[in-house]
Amino acid sequence: MTTKLLFVDDNKLILKCVGLYSDKLHNIEVKTAACADHALELDKEQGPFDIIISDYNMPGMDGVKLLRKMKSERPSLLCLLQSNGLQDLNIFQAIKEGVIASFINKPILAAEIEEMLEMAWFNLQERSYTDARGELLSSL
């Protein structure tokens, strides 16, 4: 089964690196968007996505607002946020509420992008296993 991941960042160089590394990944289909509006459009047209990794600082809607909106529509969505630090209380609140599963500190080296994409995939697999195990145990 293929995992669908959406990567959102207004930095074109980062999006290019994500595209290059995504070709090496097995069982992960990666799409990229340069802004929140494009991400929402892609989700409607090519989704649903299993994982979204979003930058925090973007023109228009910021990453926390984007992740809140997408998570409210699909609670099972795994959301990761990347930023230059935890400078905003909205980030802390979203982590506390469970909207954001993981925080990625920027800057990201090109070599770290592949690792970050794989980490997101493993987090999703672990969560799926834990959910299935919980359902099995509750049915006993």
Protein backbone atom coordinates (compact mmCIF):
# COMPACT_ATOMS: atom_id res chain seq x y z
CA MET A 1 0.00 0.00 0.00
CA THR A 2 1.33 3.42 -0.97
CA THR A 3 1.48 6.21 1.60
CA LYS A 4 0.55 9.66 0.28
CA LEU A 5 2.60 12.54 1.67
CA LEU A 6 2.09 16.25 1.02
CA PHE A 7 5.06 18.57 1.61
CA VAL A 8 4.27 22.30 1.87
CA ASP A 9 6.96 25.00 1.82
CA ASP A 10 7.33 28.34 0.08
CA ASN A 11 11.08 27.73 -0.39
CA LYS A 12 11.51 26.47 -3.96
CA LEU A 13 14.94 24.98 -3.23
CA ILE A 14 13.53 22.81 -0.43
CA LEU A 15 10.66 21.68 -2.68
CA LYS A 16 13.17 20.76 -5.38
CA CYS A 17 15.22 18.70 -2.90
CA VAL A 18 12.08 16.96 -1.65
CA GLY A 19 11.21 16.07 -5.24
CA LEU A 20 14.68 14.62 -5.84
CA TYR A 21 14.66 12.51 -2.67
CA SER A 22 11.07 11.36 -3.10
CA ASP A 23 12.11 9.39 -6.19
CA LYS A 24 14.29 7.19 -3.95
CA LEU A 25 11.52 6.32 -1.52
CA HIS A 26 9.51 3.13 -1.81
CA ASN A 27 5.81 3.02 -0.93
CA ILE A 28 5.62 6.82 -0.51
CA GLU A 29 4.01 9.08 -3.09
CA VAL A 30 5.14 12.65 -2.47
CA LYS A 31 3.40 15.78 -3.73
CA THR A 32 4.61 19.33 -3.06
CA ALA A 33 2.86 22.66 -2.68
CA ALA A 34 4.34 26.16 -2.35
CA CYS A 35 1.52 27.58 -0.19
CA ALA A 36 -1.42 26.56 1.97
CA ASP A 37 -4.00 27.32 -0.71
CA HIS A 38 -2.23 25.05 -3.18
CA ALA A 39 -1.98 22.34 -0.49
CA LEU A 40 -5.74 22.48 0.12
CA GLU A 41 -6.38 22.33 -3.62
CA LEU A 42 -4.08 19.30 -4.01
CA ASP A 43 -5.79 17.57 -1.09
CA LYS A 44 -9.17 17.93 -2.80
CA GLU A 45 -7.89 16.90 -6.24
CA GLN A 46 -5.29 14.22 -5.40
CA GLY A 47 -5.89 13.38 -1.75
CA PRO A 48 -6.59 12.26 0.74
CA PHE A 49 -3.02 12.39 2.03
CA ASP A 50 -1.81 10.27 4.93
CA ILE A 51 0.93 12.67 6.02
CA ILE A 52 1.43 16.41 5.66
CA ILE A 53 4.67 18.21 6.43
CA SER A 54 4.25 21.97 6.38
CA ASP A 55 6.48 24.95 6.90
CA TYR A 56 5.21 27.41 9.51
CA ASN A 57 6.10 30.75 7.90
CA MET A 58 4.43 31.07 4.51
CA PRO A 59 2.60 33.85 2.71
CA GLY A 60 -1.14 33.78 3.36
CA MET A 61 -2.22 31.00 5.72
CA ASP A 62 0.55 29.84 8.08
CA GLY A 63 1.41 26.19 8.62
CA VAL A 64 -0.41 25.82 11.94
CA LYS A 65 -3.66 27.13 10.46
CA LEU A 66 -3.25 24.81 7.47
CA LEU A 67 -2.62 21.77 9.67
CA ARG A 68 -5.56 22.65 11.96
CA LYS A 69 -7.88 22.93 8.97
CA MET A 70 -6.76 19.68 7.38
CA LYS A 71 -6.71 17.77 10.69
CA SER A 72 -10.24 18.97 11.55
CA GLU A 73 -11.48 17.50 8.27
CA ARG A 74 -9.49 14.26 8.67
CA PRO A 75 -8.49 13.44 12.28
CA SER A 76 -6.32 10.48 11.20
CA LEU A 77 -3.98 12.76 9.22
CA LEU A 78 -0.39 12.74 10.53
CA CYS A 79 0.77 16.38 10.70
CA LEU A 80 4.36 17.57 11.05
CA LEU A 81 5.46 21.19 11.23
CA GLN A 82 8.83 22.62 10.28
CA SER A 83 10.06 26.03 11.39
CA ASN A 84 13.07 28.06 12.49
CA GLY A 85 12.15 27.43 16.11
CA LEU A 86 9.21 27.34 18.46
CA GLN A 87 8.73 31.10 18.31
CA ASP A 88 4.95 31.19 18.37
CA LEU A 89 2.51 30.12 21.07
CA ASN A 90 0.19 28.78 18.36
CA ILE A 91 2.79 26.07 17.64
CA PHE A 92 2.91 25.02 21.31
CA GLN A 93 -0.89 24.98 21.53
CA ALA A 94 -1.23 22.88 18.36
CA ILE A 95 1.31 20.36 19.69
CA LYS A 96 -0.47 20.25 23.04
CA GLU A 97 -3.84 19.66 21.31
CA GLY A 98 -2.40 16.84 19.22
CA VAL A 99 -2.77 18.63 15.89
CA ILE A 100 0.99 18.48 15.31
CA ALA A 101 2.57 15.07 15.88
CA SER A 102 6.16 16.20 15.42
CA PHE A 103 8.20 19.39 15.05
CA ILE A 104 11.13 19.68 12.64
CA ASN A 105 13.66 22.43 13.28
CA LYS A 106 14.90 24.39 10.27
CA PRO A 107 17.24 24.89 8.54
CA ILE A 108 17.19 21.43 7.04
CA LEU A 109 20.22 20.14 5.21
CA ALA A 110 19.52 18.52 1.85
CA ALA A 111 20.79 15.19 3.19
CA GLU A 112 18.29 15.36 6.07
CA ILE A 113 15.25 15.61 3.79
CA GLU A 114 15.24 11.93 2.85
CA GLU A 115 15.60 11.00 6.53
CA MET A 116 12.72 13.33 7.45
CA LEU A 117 10.42 11.79 4.81
CA GLU A 118 11.27 8.28 5.97
CA MET A 119 10.73 9.27 9.61
CA ALA A 120 7.25 10.55 8.75
CA TRP A 121 6.46 7.27 7.00
CA PHE A 122 7.67 5.20 9.97
CA ASN A 123 5.59 7.36 12.36
CA LEU A 124 2.50 6.64 10.29
CA GLN A 125 3.23 2.90 10.20
CA GLU A 126 3.78 2.81 13.96
CA ARG A 127 0.54 4.68 14.59
CA SER A 128 -1.38 2.32 12.27
CA TYR A 129 0.06 -0.68 14.12
CA THR A 130 -0.81 0.81 17.52
CA ASP A 131 -4.38 1.59 16.39
CA ALA A 132 -4.87 -1.92 14.99
CA ARG A 133 -3.44 -3.49 18.14
CA GLY A 134 -5.77 -1.38 20.31
CA GLU A 135 -8.79 -2.41 18.25
CA LEU A 136 -7.81 -6.06 18.48
CA LEU A 137 -7.34 -5.89 22.26
CA SER A 138 -10.63 -4.10 22.79
CA SER A 139 -12.48 -6.75 20.79
CA LEU A 140 -11.22 -9.56 23.05
